[in-house]
Protein backbone atom coordinates (compact mmCIF):
# COMPACT_ATOMS: atom_id res chain seq x y z
CA UNK A 1 0.00 0.00 0.00
CA UNK A 2 1.16 3.53 -0.82
CA UNK A 3 -0.38 6.74 0.52
CA UNK A 4 0.12 10.27 -0.74
CA UNK A 5 -1.48 13.21 1.08
CA UNK A 6 -1.45 16.82 -0.08
CA UNK A 7 -2.24 19.43 2.57
CA UNK A 8 -3.75 22.19 0.46
CA UNK A 9 -6.44 24.78 0.12
CA UNK A 10 -9.47 24.15 -2.06
CA UNK A 11 -8.13 25.64 -5.29
CA UNK A 12 -4.38 25.50 -4.76
CA UNK A 13 -2.25 24.99 -7.86
CA UNK A 14 -0.80 21.74 -6.47
CA UNK A 15 -4.24 20.27 -5.87
CA UNK A 16 -5.57 21.34 -9.29
CA UNK A 17 -2.48 19.98 -11.06
CA UNK A 18 -2.54 16.70 -9.14
CA UNK A 19 -6.26 16.22 -9.86
CA UNK A 20 -5.67 16.87 -13.57
CA UNK A 21 -2.88 14.23 -13.73
CA UNK A 22 -4.98 11.77 -11.77
CA UNK A 23 -7.97 12.26 -14.09
CA UNK A 24 -5.68 11.66 -17.08
CA UNK A 25 -4.40 8.42 -15.52
CA UNK A 26 -7.94 7.22 -14.85
CA UNK A 27 -9.05 7.94 -18.42
CA UNK A 28 -6.06 6.08 -19.94
CA UNK A 29 -6.09 3.15 -17.57
CA UNK A 30 -8.33 0.22 -16.93
CA UNK A 31 -9.69 1.55 -13.66
CA UNK A 32 -13.43 1.47 -13.14
CA UNK A 33 -15.23 3.51 -10.52
CA UNK A 34 -16.50 1.13 -7.86
CA UNK A 35 -17.98 3.49 -5.30
CA UNK A 36 -18.30 7.13 -4.33
CA UNK A 37 -19.31 8.67 -1.01
CA UNK A 38 -19.94 12.32 -0.18
CA UNK A 39 -20.67 14.22 2.96
CA UNK A 40 -20.39 17.87 4.01
CA UNK A 41 -16.63 17.80 4.56
CA UNK A 42 -15.18 15.32 2.04
CA UNK A 43 -15.64 13.04 -0.94
CA UNK A 44 -14.19 9.54 -1.34
CA UNK A 45 -13.99 7.59 -4.60
CA UNK A 46 -12.79 4.02 -5.06
CA UNK A 47 -11.49 2.80 -8.45
CA UNK A 48 -10.23 -0.67 -9.26
CA UNK A 49 -9.45 -3.36 -11.76
CA UNK A 50 -8.01 -6.87 -11.80
CA UNK A 51 -5.19 -7.59 -14.24
CA UNK A 52 -4.81 -10.74 -16.36
CA UNK A 53 -2.74 -12.40 -13.60
CA UNK A 54 -5.54 -11.97 -11.06
CA UNK A 55 -3.83 -9.13 -9.18
CA UNK A 56 -6.24 -6.47 -7.92
CA UNK A 57 -5.34 -2.78 -8.26
CA UNK A 58 -7.19 -0.18 -6.18
CA UNK A 59 -7.06 3.61 -6.04
CA UNK A 60 -8.88 5.37 -3.23
CA UNK A 61 -9.13 9.14 -3.52
CA UNK A 62 -10.23 11.23 -0.54
CA UNK A 63 -10.77 14.91 -1.23
CA UNK A 64 -11.63 17.66 1.26
CA UNK A 65 -11.08 21.41 1.49
CA UNK A 66 -7.90 20.99 3.54
CA UNK A 67 -6.28 17.96 1.91
CA UNK A 68 -6.34 15.35 -0.81
CA UNK A 69 -5.19 11.78 -0.26
CA UNK A 70 -4.48 8.99 -2.72
CA UNK A 71 -4.22 5.41 -1.48
CA UNK A 72 -2.81 2.84 -3.91
CA UNK A 73 -3.24 -0.84 -3.14
CA UNK A 74 -2.17 -3.86 -5.13
CA UNK A 75 -2.37 -7.53 -4.28
CA UNK A 76 -4.22 -10.80 -4.37
CA UNK A 77 -7.64 -9.57 -3.34
CA UNK A 78 -10.89 -11.38 -4.00
CA UNK A 79 -14.03 -9.60 -5.10
CA UNK A 80 -15.30 -10.01 -1.54
CA UNK A 81 -12.13 -8.31 -0.22
CA UNK A 82 -12.72 -5.38 -2.58
CA UNK A 83 -16.30 -5.02 -1.38
CA UNK A 84 -15.14 -4.93 2.26
CA UNK A 85 -12.53 -2.27 1.46
CA UNK A 86 -15.09 -0.19 -0.43
CA UNK A 87 -17.40 -0.11 2.61
PDB file of N, CA and C in Angstrom:
ATOM      1  N   UNK A   1       0.834  -1.163   0.000  1.00  0.00           N
ATOM      2  CA  UNK A   1       0.000   0.000   0.000  1.00  0.00           C
ATOM      3  C   UNK A   1       0.887   1.235   0.000  1.00  0.00           C
ATOM      4  N   UNK A   2       0.474   2.242  -0.780  1.00  0.00           N
ATOM      5  CA  UNK A   2       1.162   3.526  -0.825  1.00  0.00           C
ATOM      6  C   UNK A   2       0.129   4.607  -0.549  1.00  0.00           C
ATOM      7  N   UNK A   3       0.525   5.640   0.189  1.00  0.00           N
ATOM      8  CA  UNK A   3      -0.382   6.740   0.516  1.00  0.00           C
ATOM      9  C   UNK A   3       0.323   8.053   0.233  1.00  0.00           C
ATOM     10  N   UNK A   4      -0.375   8.922  -0.468  1.00  0.00           N
ATOM     11  CA  UNK A   4       0.119  10.268  -0.738  1.00  0.00           C
ATOM     12  C   UNK A   4      -0.939  11.239  -0.252  1.00  0.00           C
ATOM     13  N   UNK A   5      -0.549  12.206   0.580  1.00  0.00           N
ATOM     14  CA  UNK A   5      -1.476  13.210   1.078  1.00  0.00           C
ATOM     15  C   UNK A   5      -0.934  14.593   0.785  1.00  0.00           C
ATOM     16  N   UNK A   6      -1.781  15.429   0.187  1.00  0.00           N
ATOM     17  CA  UNK A   6      -1.446  16.823  -0.075  1.00  0.00           C
ATOM     18  C   UNK A   6      -2.243  17.687   0.884  1.00  0.00           C
ATOM     19  N   UNK A   7      -1.571  18.466   1.711  1.00  0.00           N
ATOM     20  CA  UNK A   7      -2.242  19.430   2.572  1.00  0.00           C
ATOM     21  C   UNK A   7      -2.338  20.722   1.788  1.00  0.00           C
ATOM     22  N   UNK A   8      -3.565  21.068   1.378  1.00  0.00           N
ATOM     23  CA  UNK A   8      -3.753  22.190   0.461  1.00  0.00           C
ATOM     24  C   UNK A   8      -5.015  22.964   0.789  1.00  0.00           C
ATOM     25  N   UNK A   9      -5.170  24.062   0.105  1.00  0.00           N
ATOM     26  CA  UNK A   9      -6.441  24.779   0.125  1.00  0.00           C
ATOM     27  C   UNK A   9      -7.281  24.269  -1.037  1.00  0.00           C
ATOM     28  N   UNK A  10      -8.526  24.674  -1.071  1.00  0.00           N
ATOM     29  CA  UNK A  10      -9.471  24.151  -2.057  1.00  0.00           C
ATOM     30  C   UNK A  10      -8.983  24.275  -3.495  1.00  0.00           C
ATOM     31  N   UNK A  11      -8.515  25.433  -3.900  1.00  0.00           N
ATOM     32  CA  UNK A  11      -8.132  25.645  -5.292  1.00  0.00           C
ATOM     33  C   UNK A  11      -6.637  25.886  -5.467  1.00  0.00           C
ATOM     34  N   UNK A  12      -5.820  25.297  -4.626  1.00  0.00           N
ATOM     35  CA  UNK A  12      -4.378  25.500  -4.759  1.00  0.00           C
ATOM     36  C   UNK A  12      -3.880  24.908  -6.069  1.00  0.00           C
ATOM     37  N   UNK A  13      -2.814  25.463  -6.587  1.00  0.00           N
ATOM     38  CA  UNK A  13      -2.249  24.993  -7.860  1.00  0.00           C
ATOM     39  C   UNK A  13      -1.816  23.535  -7.764  1.00  0.00           C
ATOM     40  N   UNK A  14      -1.238  23.136  -6.633  1.00  0.00           N
ATOM     41  CA  UNK A  14      -0.798  21.742  -6.466  1.00  0.00           C
ATOM     42  C   UNK A  14      -1.975  20.783  -6.537  1.00  0.00           C
ATOM     43  N   UNK A  15      -3.069  21.142  -5.881  1.00  0.00           N
ATOM     44  CA  UNK A  15      -4.244  20.272  -5.874  1.00  0.00           C
ATOM     45  C   UNK A  15      -4.871  20.187  -7.268  1.00  0.00           C
ATOM     46  N   UNK A  16      -4.989  21.316  -7.949  1.00  0.00           N
ATOM     47  CA  UNK A  16      -5.570  21.341  -9.294  1.00  0.00           C
ATOM     48  C   UNK A  16      -4.711  20.524 -10.259  1.00  0.00           C
ATOM     49  N   UNK A  17      -3.399  20.704 -10.194  1.00  0.00           N
ATOM     50  CA  UNK A  17      -2.476  19.980 -11.064  1.00  0.00           C
ATOM     51  C   UNK A  17      -2.511  18.479 -10.787  1.00  0.00           C
ATOM     52  N   UNK A  18      -2.505  18.111  -9.503  1.00  0.00           N
ATOM     53  CA  UNK A  18      -2.544  16.702  -9.139  1.00  0.00           C
ATOM     54  C   UNK A  18      -3.847  16.064  -9.607  1.00  0.00           C
ATOM     55  N   UNK A  19      -4.960  16.751  -9.428  1.00  0.00           N
ATOM     56  CA  UNK A  19      -6.258  16.220  -9.858  1.00  0.00           C
ATOM     57  C   UNK A  19      -6.294  16.035 -11.370  1.00  0.00           C
ATOM     58  N   UNK A  20      -5.711  16.967 -12.103  1.00  0.00           N
ATOM     59  CA  UNK A  20      -5.665  16.866 -13.571  1.00  0.00           C
ATOM     60  C   UNK A  20      -4.866  15.635 -14.010  1.00  0.00           C
ATOM     61  N   UNK A  21      -3.705  15.417 -13.405  1.00  0.00           N
ATOM     62  CA  UNK A  21      -2.885  14.235 -13.729  1.00  0.00           C
ATOM     63  C   UNK A  21      -3.594  12.939 -13.353  1.00  0.00           C
ATOM     64  N   UNK A  22      -4.254  12.947 -12.217  1.00  0.00           N
ATOM     65  CA  UNK A  22      -4.979  11.769 -11.767  1.00  0.00           C
ATOM     66  C   UNK A  22      -6.130  11.451 -12.710  1.00  0.00           C
ATOM     67  N   UNK A  23      -6.872  12.458 -13.136  1.00  0.00           N
ATOM     68  CA  UNK A  23      -7.968  12.255 -14.091  1.00  0.00           C
ATOM     69  C   UNK A  23      -7.449  11.692 -15.410  1.00  0.00           C
ATOM     70  N   UNK A  24      -6.290  12.164 -15.857  1.00  0.00           N
ATOM     71  CA  UNK A  24      -5.681  11.661 -17.084  1.00  0.00           C
ATOM     72  C   UNK A  24      -5.324  10.180 -16.935  1.00  0.00           C
ATOM     73  N   UNK A  25      -4.745   9.816 -15.804  1.00  0.00           N
ATOM     74  CA  UNK A  25      -4.400   8.418 -15.523  1.00  0.00           C
ATOM     75  C   UNK A  25      -5.645   7.546 -15.546  1.00  0.00           C
ATOM     76  N   UNK A  26      -6.705   8.009 -14.918  1.00  0.00           N
ATOM     77  CA  UNK A  26      -7.935   7.222 -14.851  1.00  0.00           C
ATOM     78  C   UNK A  26      -8.569   7.043 -16.225  1.00  0.00           C
ATOM     79  N   UNK A  27      -8.490   8.046 -17.073  1.00  0.00           N
ATOM     80  CA  UNK A  27      -9.048   7.939 -18.424  1.00  0.00           C
ATOM     81  C   UNK A  27      -8.255   6.975 -19.288  1.00  0.00           C
ATOM     82  N   UNK A  28      -6.925   6.958 -19.129  1.00  0.00           N
ATOM     83  CA  UNK A  28      -6.062   6.084 -19.942  1.00  0.00           C
ATOM     84  C   UNK A  28      -6.063   4.651 -19.445  1.00  0.00           C
ATOM     85  N   UNK A  29      -6.248   4.464 -18.179  1.00  0.00           N
ATOM     86  CA  UNK A  29      -6.086   3.147 -17.570  1.00  0.00           C
ATOM     87  C   UNK A  29      -7.322   2.282 -17.635  1.00  0.00           C
ATOM     88  N   UNK A  30      -7.240   1.190 -16.952  1.00  0.00           N
ATOM     89  CA  UNK A  30      -8.333   0.219 -16.928  1.00  0.00           C
ATOM     90  C   UNK A  30      -9.212   0.364 -15.692  1.00  0.00           C
ATOM     91  N   UNK A  31      -8.948   1.378 -14.898  1.00  0.00           N
ATOM     92  CA  UNK A  31      -9.687   1.550 -13.656  1.00  0.00           C
ATOM     93  C   UNK A  31     -11.159   1.849 -13.905  1.00  0.00           C
ATOM     94  N   UNK A  32     -12.004   1.217 -13.110  1.00  0.00           N
ATOM     95  CA  UNK A  32     -13.435   1.468 -13.140  1.00  0.00           C
ATOM     96  C   UNK A  32     -13.846   2.016 -11.783  1.00  0.00           C
ATOM     97  N   UNK A  33     -14.746   2.974 -11.785  1.00  0.00           N
ATOM     98  CA  UNK A  33     -15.231   3.508 -10.516  1.00  0.00           C
ATOM     99  C   UNK A  33     -16.088   2.453  -9.846  1.00  0.00           C
ATOM    100  N   UNK A  34     -15.772   2.151  -8.598  1.00  0.00           N
ATOM    101  CA  UNK A  34     -16.498   1.126  -7.856  1.00  0.00           C
ATOM    102  C   UNK A  34     -17.492   1.728  -6.871  1.00  0.00           C
ATOM    103  N   UNK A  35     -17.122   2.893  -6.320  1.00  0.00           N
ATOM    104  CA  UNK A  35     -17.975   3.492  -5.297  1.00  0.00           C
ATOM    105  C   UNK A  35     -17.585   4.946  -5.105  1.00  0.00           C
ATOM    106  N   UNK A  36     -18.564   5.750  -4.683  1.00  0.00           N
ATOM    107  CA  UNK A  36     -18.299   7.135  -4.333  1.00  0.00           C
ATOM    108  C   UNK A  36     -19.164   7.506  -3.138  1.00  0.00           C
ATOM    109  N   UNK A  37     -18.562   8.179  -2.159  1.00  0.00           N
ATOM    110  CA  UNK A  37     -19.315   8.673  -1.011  1.00  0.00           C
ATOM    111  C   UNK A  37     -19.053  10.161  -0.863  1.00  0.00           C
ATOM    112  N   UNK A  38     -20.062  10.871  -0.400  1.00  0.00           N
ATOM    113  CA  UNK A  38     -19.938  12.318  -0.184  1.00  0.00           C
ATOM    114  C   UNK A  38     -20.612  12.675   1.123  1.00  0.00           C
ATOM    115  N   UNK A  39     -20.010  13.608   1.824  1.00  0.00           N
ATOM    116  CA  UNK A  39     -20.670  14.224   2.961  1.00  0.00           C
ATOM    117  C   UNK A  39     -20.294  15.699   2.962  1.00  0.00           C
ATOM    118  N   UNK A  40     -20.625  16.429   4.003  1.00  0.00           N
ATOM    119  CA  UNK A  40     -20.386  17.872   4.013  1.00  0.00           C
ATOM    120  C   UNK A  40     -18.912  18.239   3.927  1.00  0.00           C
ATOM    121  N   UNK A  41     -18.045  17.411   4.480  1.00  0.00           N
ATOM    122  CA  UNK A  41     -16.633  17.802   4.557  1.00  0.00           C
ATOM    123  C   UNK A  41     -15.702  17.114   3.566  1.00  0.00           C
ATOM    124  N   UNK A  42     -16.090  15.986   2.973  1.00  0.00           N
ATOM    125  CA  UNK A  42     -15.181  15.324   2.038  1.00  0.00           C
ATOM    126  C   UNK A  42     -15.911  14.429   1.050  1.00  0.00           C
ATOM    127  N   UNK A  43     -15.144  13.954   0.094  1.00  0.00           N
ATOM    128  CA  UNK A  43     -15.641  13.044  -0.941  1.00  0.00           C
ATOM    129  C   UNK A  43     -14.615  11.932  -1.092  1.00  0.00           C
ATOM    130  N   UNK A  44     -15.073  10.693  -1.145  1.00  0.00           N
ATOM    131  CA  UNK A  44     -14.192   9.543  -1.343  1.00  0.00           C
ATOM    132  C   UNK A  44     -14.652   8.759  -2.566  1.00  0.00           C
ATOM    133  N   UNK A  45     -13.685   8.369  -3.400  1.00  0.00           N
ATOM    134  CA  UNK A  45     -13.993   7.593  -4.596  1.00  0.00           C
ATOM    135  C   UNK A  45     -13.036   6.407  -4.664  1.00  0.00           C
ATOM    136  N   UNK A  46     -13.590   5.243  -4.961  1.00  0.00           N
ATOM    137  CA  UNK A  46     -12.793   4.019  -5.064  1.00  0.00           C
ATOM    138  C   UNK A  46     -12.830   3.550  -6.516  1.00  0.00           C
ATOM    139  N   UNK A  47     -11.641   3.330  -7.081  1.00  0.00           N
ATOM    140  CA  UNK A  47     -11.492   2.803  -8.446  1.00  0.00           C
ATOM    141  C   UNK A  47     -10.722   1.490  -8.356  1.00  0.00           C
ATOM    142  N   UNK A  48     -10.979   0.579  -9.278  1.00  0.00           N
ATOM    143  CA  UNK A  48     -10.232  -0.671  -9.261  1.00  0.00           C
ATOM    144  C   UNK A  48     -10.309  -1.434 -10.559  1.00  0.00           C
ATOM    145  N   UNK A  49      -9.414  -2.379 -10.670  1.00  0.00           N
ATOM    146  CA  UNK A  49      -9.450  -3.364 -11.759  1.00  0.00           C
ATOM    147  C   UNK A  49      -8.595  -4.552 -11.344  1.00  0.00           C
ATOM    148  N   UNK A  50      -8.804  -5.665 -12.018  1.00  0.00           N
ATOM    149  CA  UNK A  50      -8.008  -6.869 -11.797  1.00  0.00           C
ATOM    150  C   UNK A  50      -7.288  -7.181 -13.095  1.00  0.00           C
ATOM    151  N   UNK A  51      -5.959  -7.344 -13.020  1.00  0.00           N
ATOM    152  CA  UNK A  51      -5.195  -7.594 -14.245  1.00  0.00           C
ATOM    153  C   UNK A  51      -5.318  -9.045 -14.681  1.00  0.00           C
ATOM    154  N   UNK A  52      -4.674  -9.389 -15.794  1.00  0.00           N
ATOM    155  CA  UNK A  52      -4.807 -10.739 -16.363  1.00  0.00           C
ATOM    156  C   UNK A  52      -4.128 -11.816 -15.526  1.00  0.00           C
ATOM    157  N   UNK A  53      -3.360 -11.440 -14.513  1.00  0.00           N
ATOM    158  CA  UNK A  53      -2.744 -12.401 -13.598  1.00  0.00           C
ATOM    159  C   UNK A  53      -3.551 -12.552 -12.311  1.00  0.00           C
ATOM    160  N   UNK A  54      -4.691 -11.867 -12.239  1.00  0.00           N
ATOM    161  CA  UNK A  54      -5.544 -11.965 -11.061  1.00  0.00           C
ATOM    162  C   UNK A  54      -5.156 -11.032  -9.931  1.00  0.00           C
ATOM    163  N   UNK A  55      -4.270 -10.075 -10.200  1.00  0.00           N
ATOM    164  CA  UNK A  55      -3.832  -9.127  -9.176  1.00  0.00           C
ATOM    165  C   UNK A  55      -4.772  -7.928  -9.194  1.00  0.00           C
ATOM    166  N   UNK A  56      -5.322  -7.593  -8.038  1.00  0.00           N
ATOM    167  CA  UNK A  56      -6.238  -6.471  -7.921  1.00  0.00           C
ATOM    168  C   UNK A  56      -5.454  -5.178  -7.734  1.00  0.00           C
ATOM    169  N   UNK A  57      -5.936  -4.110  -8.369  1.00  0.00           N
ATOM    170  CA  UNK A  57      -5.337  -2.777  -8.258  1.00  0.00           C
ATOM    171  C   UNK A  57      -6.431  -1.818  -7.806  1.00  0.00           C
ATOM    172  N   UNK A  58      -6.201  -1.112  -6.706  1.00  0.00           N
ATOM    173  CA  UNK A  58      -7.187  -0.179  -6.177  1.00  0.00           C
ATOM    174  C   UNK A  58      -6.589   1.209  -6.030  1.00  0.00           C
ATOM    175  N   UNK A  59      -7.391   2.219  -6.321  1.00  0.00           N
ATOM    176  CA  UNK A  59      -7.063   3.611  -6.040  1.00  0.00           C
ATOM    177  C   UNK A  59      -8.206   4.151  -5.198  1.00  0.00           C
ATOM    178  N   UNK A  60      -7.885   4.725  -4.070  1.00  0.00           N
ATOM    179  CA  UNK A  60      -8.884   5.367  -3.228  1.00  0.00           C
ATOM    180  C   UNK A  60      -8.488   6.830  -3.113  1.00  0.00           C
ATOM    181  N   UNK A  61      -9.396   7.707  -3.518  1.00  0.00           N
ATOM    182  CA  UNK A  61      -9.131   9.141  -3.517  1.00  0.00           C
ATOM    183  C   UNK A  61     -10.060   9.786  -2.502  1.00  0.00           C
ATOM    184  N   UNK A  62      -9.464  10.510  -1.551  1.00  0.00           N
ATOM    185  CA  UNK A  62     -10.233  11.229  -0.543  1.00  0.00           C
ATOM    186  C   UNK A  62      -9.914  12.705  -0.714  1.00  0.00           C
ATOM    187  N   UNK A  63     -10.953  13.504  -0.920  1.00  0.00           N
ATOM    188  CA  UNK A  63     -10.771  14.910  -1.226  1.00  0.00           C
ATOM    189  C   UNK A  63     -11.589  15.759  -0.262  1.00  0.00           C
ATOM    190  N   UNK A  64     -10.936  16.710   0.393  1.00  0.00           N
ATOM    191  CA  UNK A  64     -11.626  17.660   1.264  1.00  0.00           C
ATOM    192  C   UNK A  64     -11.053  19.051   0.995  1.00  0.00           C
ATOM    193  N   UNK A  65     -11.589  20.051   1.669  1.00  0.00           N
ATOM    194  CA  UNK A  65     -11.082  21.410   1.490  1.00  0.00           C
ATOM    195  C   UNK A  65      -9.624  21.532   1.916  1.00  0.00           C
ATOM    196  N   UNK A  66      -9.232  20.830   2.967  1.00  0.00           N
ATOM    197  CA  UNK A  66      -7.900  20.987   3.542  1.00  0.00           C
ATOM    198  C   UNK A  66      -6.844  20.039   3.003  1.00  0.00           C
ATOM    199  N   UNK A  67      -7.269  18.914   2.414  1.00  0.00           N
ATOM    200  CA  UNK A  67      -6.279  17.960   1.910  1.00  0.00           C
ATOM    201  C   UNK A  67      -6.877  17.034   0.868  1.00  0.00           C
ATOM    202  N   UNK A  68      -5.969  16.366   0.179  1.00  0.00           N
ATOM    203  CA  UNK A  68      -6.341  15.349  -0.808  1.00  0.00           C
ATOM    204  C   UNK A  68      -5.416  14.162  -0.588  1.00  0.00           C
ATOM    205  N   UNK A  69      -5.995  12.976  -0.476  1.00  0.00           N
ATOM    206  CA  UNK A  69      -5.194  11.775  -0.258  1.00  0.00           C
ATOM    207  C   UNK A  69      -5.456  10.753  -1.352  1.00  0.00           C
ATOM    208  N   UNK A  70      -4.407  10.064  -1.736  1.00  0.00           N
ATOM    209  CA  UNK A  70      -4.483   8.994  -2.716  1.00  0.00           C
ATOM    210  C   UNK A  70      -3.893   7.752  -2.071  1.00  0.00           C
ATOM    211  N   UNK A  71      -4.680   6.699  -1.997  1.00  0.00           N
ATOM    212  CA  UNK A  71      -4.217   5.414  -1.479  1.00  0.00           C
ATOM    213  C   UNK A  71      -4.145   4.454  -2.651  1.00  0.00           C
ATOM    214  N   UNK A  72      -3.018   3.797  -2.822  1.00  0.00           N
ATOM    215  CA  UNK A  72      -2.809   2.843  -3.908  1.00  0.00           C
ATOM    216  C   UNK A  72      -2.566   1.477  -3.278  1.00  0.00           C
ATOM    217  N   UNK A  73      -3.380   0.518  -3.664  1.00  0.00           N
ATOM    218  CA  UNK A  73      -3.243  -0.843  -3.140  1.00  0.00           C
ATOM    219  C   UNK A  73      -3.148  -1.812  -4.305  1.00  0.00           C
ATOM    220  N   UNK A  74      -2.334  -2.834  -4.111  1.00  0.00           N
ATOM    221  CA  UNK A  74      -2.171  -3.863  -5.131  1.00  0.00           C
ATOM    222  C   UNK A  74      -1.940  -5.189  -4.428  1.00  0.00           C
ATOM    223  N   UNK A  75      -2.588  -6.227  -4.897  1.00  0.00           N
ATOM    224  CA  UNK A  75      -2.367  -7.526  -4.280  1.00  0.00           C
ATOM    225  C   UNK A  75      -3.381  -8.554  -4.715  1.00  0.00           C
ATOM    226  N   UNK A  76      -3.315  -9.688  -4.074  1.00  0.00           N
ATOM    227  CA  UNK A  76      -4.218 -10.796  -4.365  1.00  0.00           C
ATOM    228  C   UNK A  76      -5.474 -10.629  -3.528  1.00  0.00           C
ATOM    229  N   UNK A  77      -6.394  -9.839  -4.033  1.00  0.00           N
ATOM    230  CA  UNK A  77      -7.636  -9.570  -3.341  1.00  0.00           C
ATOM    231  C   UNK A  77      -8.788 -10.209  -4.107  1.00  0.00           C
ATOM    232  N   UNK A  78      -9.695 -10.819  -3.367  1.00  0.00           N
ATOM    233  CA  UNK A  78     -10.889 -11.376  -4.001  1.00  0.00           C
ATOM    234  C   UNK A  78     -11.916 -10.269  -4.183  1.00  0.00           C
ATOM    235  N   UNK A  79     -12.951 -10.566  -4.928  1.00  0.00           N
ATOM    236  CA  UNK A  79     -14.034  -9.598  -5.104  1.00  0.00           C
ATOM    237  C   UNK A  79     -14.652  -9.251  -3.746  1.00  0.00           C
ATOM    238  N   UNK A  80     -14.759 -10.235  -2.875  1.00  0.00           N
ATOM    239  CA  UNK A  80     -15.303 -10.006  -1.538  1.00  0.00           C
ATOM    240  C   UNK A  80     -14.406  -9.064  -0.741  1.00  0.00           C
ATOM    241  N   UNK A  81     -13.075  -9.212  -0.880  1.00  0.00           N
ATOM    242  CA  UNK A  81     -12.134  -8.306  -0.217  1.00  0.00           C
ATOM    243  C   UNK A  81     -12.348  -6.872  -0.704  1.00  0.00           C
ATOM    244  N   UNK A  82     -12.512  -6.706  -2.003  1.00  0.00           N
ATOM    245  CA  UNK A  82     -12.722  -5.384  -2.578  1.00  0.00           C
ATOM    246  C   UNK A  82     -14.003  -4.746  -2.051  1.00  0.00           C
ATOM    247  N   UNK A  83     -15.041  -5.545  -1.908  1.00  0.00           N
ATOM    248  CA  UNK A  83     -16.300  -5.018  -1.379  1.00  0.00           C
ATOM    249  C   UNK A  83     -16.137  -4.572   0.070  1.00  0.00           C
ATOM    250  N   UNK A  84     -15.379  -5.317   0.860  1.00  0.00           N
ATOM    251  CA  UNK A  84     -15.139  -4.934   2.256  1.00  0.00           C
ATOM    252  C   UNK A  84     -14.346  -3.636   2.331  1.00  0.00           C
ATOM    253  N   UNK A  85     -13.339  -3.482   1.477  1.00  0.00           N
ATOM    254  CA  UNK A  85     -12.533  -2.269   1.462  1.00  0.00           C
ATOM    255  C   UNK A  85     -13.382  -1.074   1.051  1.00  0.00           C
ATOM    256  N   UNK A  86     -14.258  -1.283   0.080  1.00  0.00           N
ATOM    257  CA  UNK A  86     -15.093  -0.190  -0.428  1.00  0.00           C
ATOM    258  C   UNK A  86     -16.094   0.298   0.607  1.00  0.00           C
ATOM    259  N   UNK A  87     -16.442  -0.541   1.565  1.00  0.00           N
ATOM    260  CA  UNK A  87     -17.396  -0.114   2.605  1.00  0.00           C
ATOM    261  C   UNK A  87     -16.667   0.732   3.573  1.00  0.00           C
TER     262      UNK A  87
END
